[in-house]
Protein backbone atom coordinates (compact mmCIF):
# COMPACT_ATOMS: atom_id res chain seq x y z
CA MET A 1 158.09 -15.78 63.27
CA GLU A 2 158.37 -14.09 59.88
CA ARG A 3 155.21 -14.06 57.82
CA GLN A 4 155.16 -14.89 54.12
CA LYS A 5 153.76 -11.79 52.38
CA THR A 6 152.31 -13.80 49.49
CA MET A 7 150.22 -15.98 51.81
CA LYS A 8 146.86 -15.09 53.31
CA THR A 9 146.66 -14.59 57.05
CA ILE A 10 144.09 -15.64 59.65
CA LEU A 11 143.99 -14.68 63.32
CA ILE A 12 142.26 -17.19 65.58
CA THR A 13 141.26 -16.57 69.19
CA GLY A 14 141.03 -19.48 71.60
CA ALA A 15 143.58 -21.46 69.57
CA GLY A 16 144.87 -23.31 72.61
CA SER A 17 142.32 -26.10 72.38
CA GLY A 18 139.36 -27.63 70.58
CA ILE A 19 137.96 -25.90 67.51
CA GLY A 20 140.52 -23.10 67.61
CA LYS A 21 143.50 -25.44 67.72
CA GLU A 22 142.19 -27.69 64.94
CA THR A 23 141.35 -24.67 62.78
CA ALA A 24 144.85 -23.26 63.24
CA LYS A 25 146.41 -26.59 62.23
CA LEU A 26 144.16 -26.89 59.17
CA PHE A 27 144.78 -23.38 57.86
CA ALA A 28 148.54 -23.80 58.34
CA ALA A 29 148.40 -27.08 56.41
CA LYS A 30 146.49 -25.28 53.64
CA GLY A 31 149.29 -22.74 53.22
CA TRP A 32 148.06 -19.82 55.31
CA ASN A 33 149.90 -17.65 57.77
CA VAL A 34 148.21 -18.40 61.09
CA ILE A 35 148.23 -16.17 64.14
CA ALA A 36 147.18 -18.52 66.91
CA THR A 37 146.19 -16.55 70.00
CA MET A 38 145.48 -17.84 73.49
CA ARG A 39 145.46 -16.65 77.08
CA GLU A 40 148.48 -18.70 78.19
CA PRO A 41 150.70 -19.46 75.18
CA LYS A 42 153.59 -20.63 77.37
CA ASN A 43 151.50 -23.66 78.33
CA ASP A 44 151.00 -24.84 74.75
CA LYS A 45 153.69 -26.47 72.58
CA THR A 46 151.40 -27.56 69.72
CA PHE A 47 152.65 -24.99 67.25
CA ALA A 48 156.30 -24.81 68.31
CA GLU A 49 157.57 -26.73 65.27
CA MET A 50 154.89 -25.76 62.77
CA ASP A 51 155.69 -23.52 59.81
CA HIS A 52 153.79 -20.29 59.25
CA VAL A 53 152.22 -20.25 62.72
CA THR A 54 152.78 -17.33 65.07
CA VAL A 55 151.57 -17.74 68.64
CA MET A 56 150.50 -14.61 70.48
CA LYS A 57 149.11 -13.94 73.93
CA LEU A 58 145.54 -12.67 73.83
CA ASP A 59 143.03 -12.67 76.64
CA VAL A 60 139.87 -11.48 74.89
CA THR A 61 138.69 -9.81 78.08
CA ASN A 62 141.86 -7.70 78.30
CA LYS A 63 141.60 -4.44 76.33
CA LYS A 64 145.37 -3.91 76.38
CA ASP A 65 145.98 -7.38 74.91
CA ILE A 66 143.50 -6.63 72.12
CA GLU A 67 145.09 -3.28 71.27
CA THR A 68 148.62 -4.76 71.31
CA VAL A 69 147.74 -7.72 69.09
CA ALA A 70 145.76 -5.61 66.59
CA SER A 71 148.56 -3.06 66.32
CA GLU A 72 151.26 -5.71 65.80
CA VAL A 73 149.24 -7.78 63.32
CA ILE A 74 148.36 -4.79 61.15
CA ALA A 75 151.93 -3.45 61.27
CA GLN A 76 153.40 -6.83 60.29
CA GLY A 77 151.39 -7.31 57.12
CA GLY A 78 147.72 -7.16 57.97
CA LEU A 79 144.98 -9.74 58.03
CA ASP A 80 142.56 -11.50 55.71
CA VAL A 81 140.37 -13.40 58.19
CA LEU A 82 139.55 -12.66 61.83
CA PHE A 83 138.15 -15.73 63.57
CA ASN A 84 136.53 -15.00 66.92
CA ASN A 85 136.44 -18.44 68.47
CA ALA A 86 137.35 -18.08 72.16
CA GLY A 87 134.50 -18.72 74.54
CA ILE A 88 133.40 -20.05 77.91
CA GLY A 89 130.12 -21.39 79.20
CA VAL A 90 128.05 -21.77 82.32
CA LYS A 91 125.16 -24.14 82.98
CA GLY A 92 122.51 -24.02 85.69
CA CYS A 93 119.41 -22.20 86.82
CA LEU A 94 119.73 -18.44 86.66
CA ASP A 95 118.99 -18.00 90.36
CA ALA A 96 121.82 -20.42 91.21
CA THR A 97 124.37 -18.66 88.98
CA PRO A 98 126.60 -16.09 90.69
CA GLU A 99 126.75 -12.60 89.22
CA LYS A 100 130.51 -12.99 88.76
CA SER A 101 130.01 -16.00 86.48
CA ILE A 102 127.34 -14.20 84.45
CA ARG A 103 129.67 -11.27 83.88
CA GLN A 104 132.57 -13.57 82.95
CA VAL A 105 130.50 -15.26 80.25
CA PHE A 106 129.38 -11.96 78.73
CA GLU A 107 132.87 -10.46 78.92
CA THR A 108 134.35 -13.48 77.12
CA ASP A 109 131.58 -14.53 74.73
CA PHE A 110 130.21 -11.13 73.73
CA MET A 111 132.34 -8.15 74.76
CA GLY A 112 135.59 -9.89 73.78
CA PRO A 113 134.56 -10.59 70.18
CA ALA A 114 132.93 -7.15 69.90
CA GLU A 115 136.10 -5.35 71.02
CA ILE A 116 138.34 -7.45 68.78
CA MET A 117 136.13 -6.76 65.77
CA LYS A 118 136.13 -3.05 66.62
CA ALA A 119 139.94 -3.14 66.64
CA PHE A 120 140.16 -4.61 63.12
CA ILE A 121 137.09 -3.24 61.30
CA PRO A 122 138.71 0.14 60.43
CA TYR A 123 141.62 -1.78 58.84
CA PHE A 124 139.26 -4.01 56.84
CA LYS A 125 137.21 -0.99 55.74
CA THR A 126 140.33 0.69 54.38
CA LYS A 127 141.38 -2.55 52.70
CA LYS A 128 137.82 -3.04 51.37
CA SER A 129 138.00 -6.78 51.92
CA GLY A 130 138.25 -9.37 54.66
CA VAL A 131 136.25 -11.93 56.59
CA LEU A 132 134.90 -11.67 60.13
CA MET A 133 134.13 -15.20 61.28
CA THR A 134 132.67 -16.08 64.68
CA THR A 135 131.91 -19.26 66.58
CA ALA A 136 128.43 -18.92 68.04
CA SER A 137 126.28 -21.86 69.14
CA MET A 138 122.98 -23.60 68.58
CA SER A 139 122.13 -22.00 71.94
CA GLY A 140 122.43 -18.64 70.22
CA VAL A 141 119.41 -19.58 68.11
CA ILE A 142 117.40 -21.71 70.54
CA SER A 143 117.39 -21.12 74.30
CA PHE A 144 117.33 -24.37 76.26
CA PRO A 145 116.61 -24.95 79.95
CA TYR A 146 119.56 -24.44 82.34
CA ASP A 147 121.32 -22.51 79.57
CA SER A 148 120.04 -18.99 80.19
CA VAL A 149 123.35 -17.13 80.62
CA TYR A 150 125.24 -18.90 77.84
CA ALA A 151 122.25 -18.67 75.50
CA ALA A 152 121.83 -14.98 76.22
CA ALA A 153 125.48 -14.24 75.41
CA LYS A 154 125.38 -16.28 72.20
CA HIS A 155 122.07 -14.73 71.13
CA ALA A 156 123.69 -11.33 71.57
CA LEU A 157 126.73 -12.43 69.56
CA ILE A 158 124.60 -13.68 66.67
CA GLY A 159 122.59 -10.45 66.73
CA LEU A 160 125.80 -8.44 66.57
CA CYS A 161 127.14 -10.42 63.61
CA GLU A 162 123.86 -10.27 61.72
CA SER A 163 123.84 -6.49 62.03
CA LEU A 164 127.48 -6.31 60.96
CA TYR A 165 126.63 -8.27 57.81
CA TYR A 166 124.63 -5.27 56.60
CA GLU A 167 126.98 -2.60 57.95
CA LEU A 168 130.06 -4.07 56.29
CA LEU A 169 128.48 -5.13 52.99
CA PRO A 170 129.38 -1.85 51.22
CA TYR A 171 133.04 -2.40 52.11
CA GLY A 172 133.34 -5.88 50.66
CA ILE A 173 133.78 -7.42 54.10
CA ARG A 174 132.07 -10.78 54.59
CA VAL A 175 130.58 -11.86 57.92
CA LYS A 176 130.31 -15.57 58.78
CA ILE A 177 128.71 -17.24 61.80
CA LEU A 178 129.54 -20.84 62.72
CA ILE A 179 126.64 -22.39 64.64
CA PRO A 180 127.67 -25.76 66.03
CA GLY A 181 125.45 -27.99 68.10
CA PRO A 182 127.06 -30.41 70.56
CA ILE A 183 130.65 -31.11 69.51
CA ASN A 184 133.09 -33.71 70.82
CA THR A 185 135.73 -31.35 72.25
CA ASN A 186 137.27 -30.62 75.64
CA PHE A 187 135.05 -27.53 75.97
CA LYS A 188 133.50 -27.65 79.42
CA MET A 189 130.82 -25.46 80.93
CA GLN A 190 131.05 -24.32 84.51
CA THR A 191 128.11 -26.09 86.14
CA PHE A 192 126.38 -25.07 89.33
CA ILE A 193 125.47 -28.40 90.85
CA SER A 194 122.84 -26.96 93.17
CA SER A 195 120.71 -26.39 90.07
CA PHE A 196 120.42 -30.14 89.54
CA ASN A 197 120.17 -31.48 93.08
CA SER A 198 116.42 -31.15 93.36
CA ALA A 199 113.81 -33.52 91.96
CA HIS A 200 112.43 -30.56 90.00
CA ASN A 201 115.57 -30.34 87.85
CA LEU A 202 117.41 -33.67 87.91
CA LYS A 203 115.12 -35.70 85.63
CA PRO A 204 114.39 -32.80 83.25
CA SER A 205 118.11 -32.17 82.82
CA LYS A 206 118.65 -35.84 81.96
CA ASN A 207 115.78 -35.73 79.46
CA LEU A 208 117.30 -32.61 77.89
CA SER A 209 120.68 -34.34 77.59
CA LYS A 210 119.05 -37.14 75.58
CA ILE A 211 117.57 -34.57 73.20
CA LEU A 212 120.82 -32.65 72.72
CA ILE A 213 123.11 -35.69 72.66
CA PRO A 214 121.08 -38.66 71.37
CA ASP A 215 124.28 -40.52 70.45
CA PHE A 216 127.60 -39.35 71.85
CA ASN A 217 129.54 -41.45 69.34
CA SER A 218 127.98 -39.55 66.42
CA LEU A 219 128.95 -36.07 67.63
CA PRO A 220 131.03 -34.04 65.16
CA GLU A 221 134.71 -33.66 66.03
CA ALA A 222 136.56 -30.36 66.30
CA LYS A 223 138.32 -31.21 63.02
CA GLU A 224 134.96 -31.23 61.23
CA VAL A 225 134.16 -27.76 62.55
CA ALA A 226 137.59 -26.59 61.42
CA GLN A 227 136.82 -27.83 57.91
CA VAL A 228 133.57 -25.82 57.88
CA ALA A 229 135.52 -22.80 59.11
CA TYR A 230 137.94 -23.17 56.19
CA GLU A 231 135.10 -23.49 53.68
CA ALA A 232 133.36 -20.41 55.13
CA ALA A 233 136.52 -18.32 55.16
CA THR A 234 137.50 -19.17 51.58
CA SER A 235 134.06 -19.08 49.99
CA ASP A 236 133.00 -16.17 47.78
CA SER A 237 129.43 -16.72 48.94
CA ASP A 238 127.73 -14.17 51.18
CA GLN A 239 126.24 -17.02 53.26
CA LEU A 240 125.94 -15.82 56.86
CA GLU A 241 125.13 -18.97 58.85
CA TYR A 242 126.97 -22.29 58.86
CA ILE A 243 125.00 -24.73 61.04
CA ILE A 244 127.16 -27.68 62.08
CA GLY A 245 126.07 -31.15 63.15
CA ASP A 246 122.92 -33.25 62.72
CA VAL A 247 121.48 -32.20 66.08
CA ALA A 248 121.86 -28.50 65.37
CA ASN A 249 120.50 -28.78 61.84
CA THR A 250 117.49 -30.84 62.97
CA LEU A 251 116.54 -28.71 65.97
CA ILE A 252 117.11 -25.33 64.32
CA SER A 253 115.13 -26.40 61.25
CA LYS A 254 112.26 -27.54 63.49
CA TYR A 255 112.45 -24.37 65.59
CA ARG A 256 112.24 -22.12 62.53
CA SER A 257 109.57 -24.10 60.69
CA GLN A 258 107.29 -24.62 63.70
CA GLY A 259 107.76 -21.21 65.27
CA VAL A 260 108.66 -20.57 68.89
CA GLU A 261 105.19 -21.24 70.36
CA ALA A 262 104.78 -24.73 68.91
CA PHE A 263 108.45 -25.60 69.43
CA LYS A 264 108.50 -24.59 73.11
CA LYS A 265 105.42 -26.70 73.86
CA GLU A 266 106.95 -29.75 72.21
CA LEU A 267 110.32 -29.25 73.94
CA ALA A 268 108.69 -28.66 77.33
CA ASN A 269 106.65 -31.84 76.99
CA GLU A 270 109.80 -33.85 76.18
CA VAL A 271 111.85 -32.28 78.98
CA TYR A 272 109.20 -32.57 81.69
CA GLU A 273 107.63 -35.88 80.73
CA LYS A 274 107.00 -38.10 83.73
């Protein structure tokens, strides 16, 4: 699909569902060229009739896919915003999580975004402008029980982006981190049931669910996250973090004001109460 040269362009990974799909639809409606990337574009017809949306195949764990997409996007008019949104998750005790699953999470949630940013940063440096935007997670700020692998990957991703904020500041490139808490999307974590079959873990996991999702009906929708993504991408502010949802804002504020020692004691008492 031909891109309008006068319009700004955003590339979104993981645009086949959830936050990525809603963000692609919103930016297109706002008059942007949208490059919606996904692992299996042939399975998605969402954007078939939409103007200014180009669908491209991109598996963020595939180096060749990354190189091909970056080369084509830059050759066809460049980019204004890179939105690293694709991600997967795994839930369970570390000792019950297979090595293969641990590696898959890190390849998708950390190495993928890192390699994609590496592919575009030289272009943005030459251009002396641009936005690198990334979907992280509340679990990238606070590590919760049964969340060790996912939390570790998202902590690493936030650390990477925070460092890039400083590195890219002299080039006029802005770095933005979206930090949603629980969101009402079809995002599912691979769960290792054996982690929750014992009396040691079953009740604590239920208690934790009540803390993270006190009211399912009040969870933010993917469209709300997309709106925050649009505000972050179009703002002239150098704001780094965009915390999304009441749960995330409440817990992160408490975590940072109390400090890790006081917070962990309070959380442990709530999770392991009899």
